[in-house]
C-alpha atoms as a PDB file:
ATOM      1  CA  MET A   1      67.260  74.979  73.871  1.00  0.00           C
ATOM      2  CA  ARG A   2      65.224  75.753  76.881  1.00  0.00           C
ATOM      3  CA  SER A   3      67.065  78.981  77.446  1.00  0.00           C
ATOM      4  CA  ARG A   4      66.310  80.100  73.880  1.00  0.00           C
ATOM      5  CA  LEU A   5      62.643  79.560  74.402  1.00  0.00           C
ATOM      6  CA  HIS A   6      62.841  81.410  77.624  1.00  0.00           C
ATOM      7  CA  TRP A   7      64.377  84.422  75.933  1.00  0.00           C
ATOM      8  CA  LYS A   8      61.904  84.271  73.082  1.00  0.00           C
ATOM      9  CA  ARG A   9      58.987  84.248  75.443  1.00  0.00           C
ATOM     10  CA  GLY A  10      60.541  86.963  77.574  1.00  0.00           C
ATOM     11  CA  GLU A  11      61.550  89.370  74.822  1.00  0.00           C
ATOM     12  CA  ASP A  12      58.961  91.821  76.064  1.00  0.00           C
ATOM     13  CA  ARG A  13      60.534  91.640  79.522  1.00  0.00           C
ATOM     14  CA  LEU A  14      62.744  94.523  80.586  1.00  0.00           C
ATOM     15  CA  HIS A  15      66.252  94.260  81.822  1.00  0.00           C
ATOM     16  CA  PRO A  16      66.433  94.574  85.641  1.00  0.00           C
ATOM     17  CA  LEU A  17      68.547  97.749  85.379  1.00  0.00           C
ATOM     18  CA  SER A  18      66.488  99.390  82.653  1.00  0.00           C
ATOM     19  CA  PRO A  19      65.129 102.865  83.572  1.00  0.00           C
ATOM     20  CA  ARG A  20      61.821 101.948  81.948  1.00  0.00           C
ATOM     21  CA  ARG A  21      61.205  99.497  84.769  1.00  0.00           C
ATOM     22  CA  LEU A  22      60.728 102.430  87.137  1.00  0.00           C
ATOM     23  CA  PHE A  23      57.574 103.568  85.376  1.00  0.00           C
ATOM     24  CA  LEU A  24      55.717 100.289  85.490  1.00  0.00           C
ATOM     25  CA  ARG A  25      52.999  99.993  88.109  1.00  0.00           C
ATOM     26  CA  THR A  26      53.859  97.116  90.364  1.00  0.00           C
ATOM     27  CA  ALA A  27      54.549  97.097  94.073  1.00  0.00           C
ATOM     28  CA  GLN A  28      58.206  96.264  93.558  1.00  0.00           C
ATOM     29  CA  ARG A  29      58.632  99.127  91.088  1.00  0.00           C
ATOM     30  CA  ARG A  30      56.817 101.481  93.446  1.00  0.00           C
ATOM     31  CA  ARG A  31      59.240 100.594  96.228  1.00  0.00           C
ATOM     32  CA  CYS A  32      62.129 101.068  93.825  1.00  0.00           C
ATOM     33  CA  ARG A  33      60.833 104.539  92.876  1.00  0.00           C
ATOM     34  CA  THR A  34      60.484 105.434  96.558  1.00  0.00           C
ATOM     35  CA  VAL A  35      64.056 104.367  97.254  1.00  0.00           C
ATOM     36  CA  LEU A  36      65.325 106.318  94.249  1.00  0.00           C
ATOM     37  CA  ALA A  37      63.392 109.411  95.338  1.00  0.00           C
ATOM     38  CA  ALA A  38      64.899 109.104  98.830  1.00  0.00           C
ATOM     39  CA  LEU A  39      68.392 108.720  97.360  1.00  0.00           C
ATOM     40  CA  LEU A  40      67.834 111.759  95.146  1.00  0.00           C
ATOM     41  CA  LEU A  41      66.684 113.796  98.137  1.00  0.00           C
ATOM     42  CA  LEU A  42      69.715 112.642 100.115  1.00  0.00           C
ATOM     43  CA  ALA A  43      72.034 113.610  97.243  1.00  0.00           C
ATOM     44  CA  ILE A  44      70.452 117.080  97.020  1.00  0.00           C
ATOM     45  CA  CYS A  45      70.783 117.608 100.782  1.00  0.00           C
ATOM     46  CA  ALA A  46      74.383 116.419 100.722  1.00  0.00           C
ATOM     47  CA  SER A  47      75.209 118.827  97.907  1.00  0.00           C
ATOM     48  CA  LEU A  48      73.622 121.759  99.773  1.00  0.00           C
ATOM     49  CA  ALA A  49      75.311 120.970 103.110  1.00  0.00           C
ATOM     50  CA  PRO A  50      78.562 122.855 102.344  1.00  0.00           C
ATOM     51  CA  LEU A  51      76.515 125.980 101.614  1.00  0.00           C
ATOM     52  CA  SER A  52      75.247 126.013 105.184  1.00  0.00           C
ATOM     53  CA  GLN A  53      78.818 126.472 106.407  1.00  0.00           C
ATOM     54  CA  ALA A  54      79.327 129.811 104.669  1.00  0.00           C
ATOM     55  CA  VAL A  55      82.380 131.825 105.572  1.00  0.00           C
ATOM     56  CA  VAL A  56      81.699 134.543 108.092  1.00  0.00           C
ATOM     57  CA  PRO A  57      84.047 137.516 108.017  1.00  0.00           C
ATOM     58  CA  TYR A  58      86.244 137.852 111.071  1.00  0.00           C
ATOM     59  CA  ARG A  59      85.150 140.503 113.533  1.00  0.00           C
ATOM     60  CA  SER A  60      87.332 141.445 116.423  1.00  0.00           C
ATOM     61  CA  PRO A  61      85.779 141.892 119.890  1.00  0.00           C
ATOM     62  CA  GLU A  62      86.132 145.676 119.483  1.00  0.00           C
ATOM     63  CA  ASP A  63      83.704 145.554 116.546  1.00  0.00           C
ATOM     64  CA  TYR A  64      80.829 144.542 118.798  1.00  0.00           C
ATOM     65  CA  GLY A  65      81.079 147.351 121.318  1.00  0.00           C
ATOM     66  CA  PRO A  66      82.385 150.851 121.850  1.00  0.00           C
ATOM     67  CA  SER A  67      85.900 151.693 120.760  1.00  0.00           C
ATOM     68  CA  PRO A  68      88.499 152.477 123.445  1.00  0.00           C
ATOM     69  CA  GLN A  69      88.158 156.187 122.612  1.00  0.00           C
ATOM     70  CA  ALA A  70      84.364 156.006 123.110  1.00  0.00           C
ATOM     71  CA  LEU A  71      84.828 154.252 126.458  1.00  0.00           C
ATOM     72  CA  GLN A  72      87.019 157.138 127.596  1.00  0.00           C
ATOM     73  CA  HIS A  73      84.228 159.635 126.823  1.00  0.00           C
ATOM     74  CA  ARG A  74      81.417 157.620 128.444  1.00  0.00           C
ATOM     75  CA  GLU A  75      81.921 159.184 131.880  1.00  0.00           C
ATOM     76  CA  GLN A  76      82.117 162.627 130.314  1.00  0.00           C
ATOM     77  CA  CYS A  77      78.752 162.005 128.597  1.00  0.00           C
ATOM     78  CA  ARG A  78      77.191 160.861 131.859  1.00  0.00           C
ATOM     79  CA  ALA A  79      78.522 163.909 133.710  1.00  0.00           C
ATOM     80  CA  GLN A  80      77.080 166.286 131.112  1.00  0.00           C
ATOM     81  CA  ILE A  81      73.700 164.556 131.255  1.00  0.00           C
ATOM     82  CA  THR A  82      73.489 164.770 135.057  1.00  0.00           C
ATOM     83  CA  GLU A  83      74.412 168.499 134.833  1.00  0.00           C
ATOM     84  CA  THR A  84      71.751 169.109 132.203  1.00  0.00           C
ATOM     85  CA  MET A  85      68.868 167.258 133.871  1.00  0.00           C
ATOM     86  CA  VAL A  86      68.327 166.016 137.386  1.00  0.00           C
ATOM     87  CA  GLY A  87      66.980 162.491 137.298  1.00  0.00           C
ATOM     88  CA  LYS A  88      67.756 158.833 137.023  1.00  0.00           C
ATOM     89  CA  ILE A  89      69.418 157.307 133.966  1.00  0.00           C
ATOM     90  CA  GLU A  90      66.969 154.580 132.969  1.00  0.00           C
ATOM     91  CA  SER A  91      68.929 153.110 130.075  1.00  0.00           C
ATOM     92  CA  GLU A  92      72.250 153.456 128.327  1.00  0.00           C
ATOM     93  CA  GLU A  93      72.867 152.175 124.827  1.00  0.00           C
ATOM     94  CA  PHE A  94      75.796 152.263 122.410  1.00  0.00           C
ATOM     95  CA  VAL A  95      75.104 152.884 118.714  1.00  0.00           C
ATOM     96  CA  ALA A  96      77.572 152.924 115.810  1.00  0.00           C
ATOM     97  CA  ARG A  97      76.277 154.423 112.558  1.00  0.00           C
ATOM     98  CA  SER A  98      78.279 155.153 109.403  1.00  0.00           C
ATOM     99  CA  GLY A  99      81.600 155.580 111.148  1.00  0.00           C
ATOM    100  CA  HIS A 100      80.267 157.624 114.085  1.00  0.00           C
ATOM    101  CA  GLU A 101      79.694 156.325 117.606  1.00  0.00           C
ATOM    102  CA  TYR A 102      77.007 157.530 119.978  1.00  0.00           C
ATOM    103  CA  PHE A 103      75.711 156.794 123.446  1.00  0.00           C
ATOM    104  CA  ARG A 104      71.953 157.048 123.952  1.00  0.00           C
ATOM    105  CA  TYR A 105      70.611 157.650 127.428  1.00  0.00           C
ATOM    106  CA  VAL A 106      67.019 157.799 128.625  1.00  0.00           C
ATOM    107  CA  VAL A 107      66.721 159.942 131.756  1.00  0.00           C
ATOM    108  CA  ARG A 108      63.540 160.036 133.834  1.00  0.00           C
ATOM    109  CA  HIS A 109      62.537 162.681 136.334  1.00  0.00           C
ATOM    110  CA  ALA A 110      58.987 162.529 137.716  1.00  0.00           C
ATOM    111  CA  LEU A 111      56.752 162.081 134.630  1.00  0.00           C
ATOM    112  CA  ARG A 112      59.275 163.467 132.176  1.00  0.00           C
ATOM    113  CA  GLU A 113      61.497 161.231 130.043  1.00  0.00           C
ATOM    114  CA  VAL A 114      64.257 162.689 127.903  1.00  0.00           C
ATOM    115  CA  LEU A 115      66.407 160.887 125.345  1.00  0.00           C
ATOM    116  CA  PHE A 116      69.980 162.209 125.232  1.00  0.00           C
ATOM    117  CA  ILE A 117      72.245 161.410 122.307  1.00  0.00           C
ATOM    118  CA  CYS A 118      75.897 161.936 123.142  1.00  0.00           C
ATOM    119  CA  ASP A 119      78.741 161.816 120.616  1.00  0.00           C
ATOM    120  CA  ALA A 120      81.091 159.093 121.858  1.00  0.00           C
ATOM    121  CA  GLY A 121      84.012 160.552 119.921  1.00  0.00           C
ATOM    122  CA  THR A 122      83.936 163.965 121.608  1.00  0.00           C
ATOM    123  CA  GLY A 123      81.851 163.426 124.722  1.00  0.00           C
ATOM    124  CA  GLN A 124      79.392 166.207 123.759  1.00  0.00           C
ATOM    125  CA  ILE A 125      75.599 166.000 123.895  1.00  0.00           C
ATOM    126  CA  ARG A 126      74.213 166.188 120.350  1.00  0.00           C
ATOM    127  CA  ARG A 127      70.444 165.890 120.899  1.00  0.00           C
ATOM    128  CA  GLN A 128      67.874 166.083 123.668  1.00  0.00           C
ATOM    129  CA  ILE A 129      64.467 164.700 122.822  1.00  0.00           C
ATOM    130  CA  ASP A 130      61.552 164.972 125.251  1.00  0.00           C
ATOM    131  CA  LEU A 131      59.831 161.623 124.698  1.00  0.00           C
ATOM    132  CA  TRP A 132      56.417 162.570 126.101  1.00  0.00           C
ATOM    133  CA  GLY A 133      56.532 166.320 125.412  1.00  0.00           C
ATOM    134  CA  ASP A 134      54.406 166.262 122.269  1.00  0.00           C
ATOM    135  CA  LEU A 135      51.555 164.244 123.727  1.00  0.00           C
END
C-alpha cells in the first residue's frame, strides 16, 4: 500500500533515464549535461580521428630531387655558366615544372648578380637574368 501511495505522489517525477531530466535545472542535472557534452565531444573526436590518417600517395626518393639524367647534366651546366661569366656561384637550386627540370644558379661578380636558368635535360643555358640591372 505504501508503494502505491509513493507512486501516486511521485507521478510527476521523471524516470532516471528520461531525456527530459537533462533539461531540468538542478546541480545534479547540470553535472549530467556536462558529462553528456564531454561524451559527445569525445565521440566526435573519435569519429574524426581516422580522417587525420589520410593516405598519402607513395613517392619514390627520385621524385624529391633531380632525375639521374639531370644529375649527369649538372656539371655541364656549371661549366657553361663559368664560361659565360666569371664569378662565384652563390646558390644552386633544382626546379621541376610541368615535366621539365631546371637548375637555377645565382652567380655574383663584384656588384653584379646574374640568375642563370639551365635546362637539366640538355645541359644548355636557357635564361640569363641580371638581378640588379634594372635598378
